[in-house]
């Protein structure tokens, strides 16, 4: 959390919701921080690496971009993509061999549109 003595300016998280089961807990925590930010609307900056390539948007195990967008909108928050990049990664195929591949990394700014200033 980036803050001054008087107010919370930003909440920053990187690569913390790669499993779908992690997203609700993270967003519950962020929601609590939004609610306790008196007279202030901090941004939540979330860096997220896409890991659902094999299963696509139907991945059960991995958080998908569509899943992040839906979870944010369900809470009445707004989301903006600040940056997007293709990155080099190592991936294991079905035979266990490790291969060079690419993935996508997103940086989102999420705000609580439901709170008052």
Protein backbone atom coordinates (compact mmCIF):
# COMPACT_ATOMS: atom_id res chain seq x y z
CA UNK A 1 0.00 0.00 0.00
CA UNK A 2 1.38 3.38 -1.02
CA UNK A 3 0.17 6.03 1.40
CA UNK A 4 0.96 9.19 3.27
CA UNK A 5 0.16 9.81 6.93
CA UNK A 6 -3.19 11.26 5.97
CA UNK A 7 -4.42 9.14 3.08
CA UNK A 8 -4.00 5.93 1.13
CA UNK A 9 -2.87 6.77 -2.41
CA UNK A 10 -2.61 3.39 -4.11
CA UNK A 11 -2.84 -0.33 -3.50
CA UNK A 12 -0.33 -2.28 -5.61
CA UNK A 13 -0.30 -6.02 -6.33
CA UNK A 14 1.73 -7.99 -8.84
CA UNK A 15 1.11 -11.54 -10.04
CA UNK A 16 -1.08 -12.51 -7.07
CA UNK A 17 -4.17 -13.97 -8.79
CA UNK A 18 -2.78 -16.54 -11.20
CA UNK A 19 -5.11 -19.18 -9.72
CA UNK A 20 -8.83 -18.46 -10.00
CA UNK A 21 -9.33 -19.40 -6.34
CA UNK A 22 -7.14 -16.46 -5.24
CA UNK A 23 -9.13 -13.66 -6.86
CA UNK A 24 -12.09 -13.45 -4.45
CA UNK A 25 -9.84 -13.17 -1.38
CA UNK A 26 -7.69 -10.49 -3.00
CA UNK A 27 -10.70 -8.47 -4.13
CA UNK A 28 -12.37 -8.83 -0.70
CA UNK A 29 -9.21 -7.37 0.87
CA UNK A 30 -9.06 -4.54 -1.67
CA UNK A 31 -12.74 -3.81 -1.08
CA UNK A 32 -12.07 -3.51 2.68
CA UNK A 33 -9.21 -1.10 1.95
CA UNK A 34 -11.42 0.93 -0.38
CA UNK A 35 -14.11 1.14 2.33
CA UNK A 36 -11.66 2.30 5.00
CA UNK A 37 -10.09 4.98 2.81
CA UNK A 38 -11.99 7.89 4.33
CA UNK A 39 -12.55 10.79 1.95
CA UNK A 40 -10.12 9.30 -0.52
CA UNK A 41 -10.35 7.11 -3.61
CA UNK A 42 -7.12 5.13 -3.92
CA UNK A 43 -6.34 3.25 -7.11
CA UNK A 44 -5.67 -0.47 -7.08
CA UNK A 45 -2.82 -1.21 -9.52
CA UNK A 46 -2.85 -4.88 -10.51
CA UNK A 47 -0.18 -6.53 -12.65
CA UNK A 48 -1.54 -9.75 -14.10
CA UNK A 49 0.13 -12.38 -16.30
CA UNK A 50 -2.19 -14.37 -18.53
CA UNK A 51 -1.72 -18.11 -17.94
CA UNK A 52 -4.85 -19.57 -19.53
CA UNK A 53 -3.44 -20.13 -23.03
CA UNK A 54 -4.12 -23.86 -23.21
CA UNK A 55 -7.68 -23.72 -21.84
CA UNK A 56 -8.49 -20.27 -23.17
CA UNK A 57 -11.19 -18.29 -21.44
CA UNK A 58 -12.76 -21.55 -20.16
CA UNK A 59 -9.87 -22.25 -17.77
CA UNK A 60 -11.09 -23.52 -14.41
CA UNK A 61 -7.74 -23.41 -12.61
CA UNK A 62 -6.20 -20.20 -13.93
CA UNK A 63 -7.54 -16.67 -13.68
CA UNK A 64 -8.46 -15.34 -17.10
CA UNK A 65 -8.55 -11.76 -18.32
CA UNK A 66 -12.30 -12.14 -18.79
CA UNK A 67 -12.53 -13.42 -15.20
CA UNK A 68 -10.69 -10.36 -13.85
CA UNK A 69 -12.90 -8.00 -15.86
CA UNK A 70 -16.09 -9.74 -14.72
CA UNK A 71 -15.04 -9.80 -11.04
CA UNK A 72 -14.20 -6.09 -11.11
CA UNK A 73 -17.48 -5.15 -12.77
CA UNK A 74 -19.51 -7.35 -10.38
CA UNK A 75 -18.26 -5.18 -7.52
CA UNK A 76 -19.24 -1.96 -9.33
CA UNK A 77 -15.62 -0.95 -9.81
CA UNK A 78 -14.02 0.48 -12.94
CA UNK A 79 -11.00 -0.97 -14.71
CA UNK A 80 -8.55 0.49 -17.18
CA UNK A 81 -5.66 -1.26 -18.88
CA UNK A 82 -2.61 0.95 -18.34
CA UNK A 83 -0.14 -1.33 -20.13
CA UNK A 84 0.05 -4.62 -22.00
CA UNK A 85 3.15 -6.49 -23.08
CA UNK A 86 4.14 -9.82 -24.57
CA UNK A 87 6.83 -11.50 -22.47
CA UNK A 88 9.06 -14.54 -22.98
CA UNK A 89 8.28 -17.48 -20.68
CA UNK A 90 9.13 -21.16 -20.28
CA UNK A 91 6.19 -23.56 -20.50
CA UNK A 92 5.96 -27.27 -19.91
CA UNK A 93 4.12 -29.23 -22.60
CA UNK A 94 2.04 -32.39 -22.11
CA UNK A 95 5.17 -34.58 -22.38
CA UNK A 96 6.99 -32.67 -19.63
CA UNK A 97 9.40 -30.93 -21.99
CA UNK A 98 10.08 -27.27 -21.26
CA UNK A 99 9.79 -24.98 -24.26
CA UNK A 100 10.22 -21.28 -24.92
CA UNK A 101 6.90 -19.51 -25.34
CA UNK A 102 5.24 -16.14 -24.86
CA UNK A 103 2.57 -14.82 -22.55
CA UNK A 104 0.84 -11.52 -21.97
CA UNK A 105 1.22 -9.23 -18.96
CA UNK A 106 -1.36 -6.56 -18.18
CA UNK A 107 -1.24 -3.65 -15.75
CA UNK A 108 -4.73 -2.62 -14.70
CA UNK A 109 -5.91 0.37 -12.70
CA UNK A 110 -9.00 -0.52 -10.72
CA UNK A 111 -11.09 2.06 -8.88
CA UNK A 112 -14.09 1.90 -6.60
CA UNK A 113 -16.74 3.77 -8.54
CA UNK A 114 -19.30 3.17 -5.79
CA UNK A 115 -17.65 5.22 -3.01
CA UNK A 116 -18.07 8.93 -2.54
CA UNK A 117 -15.20 11.41 -2.56
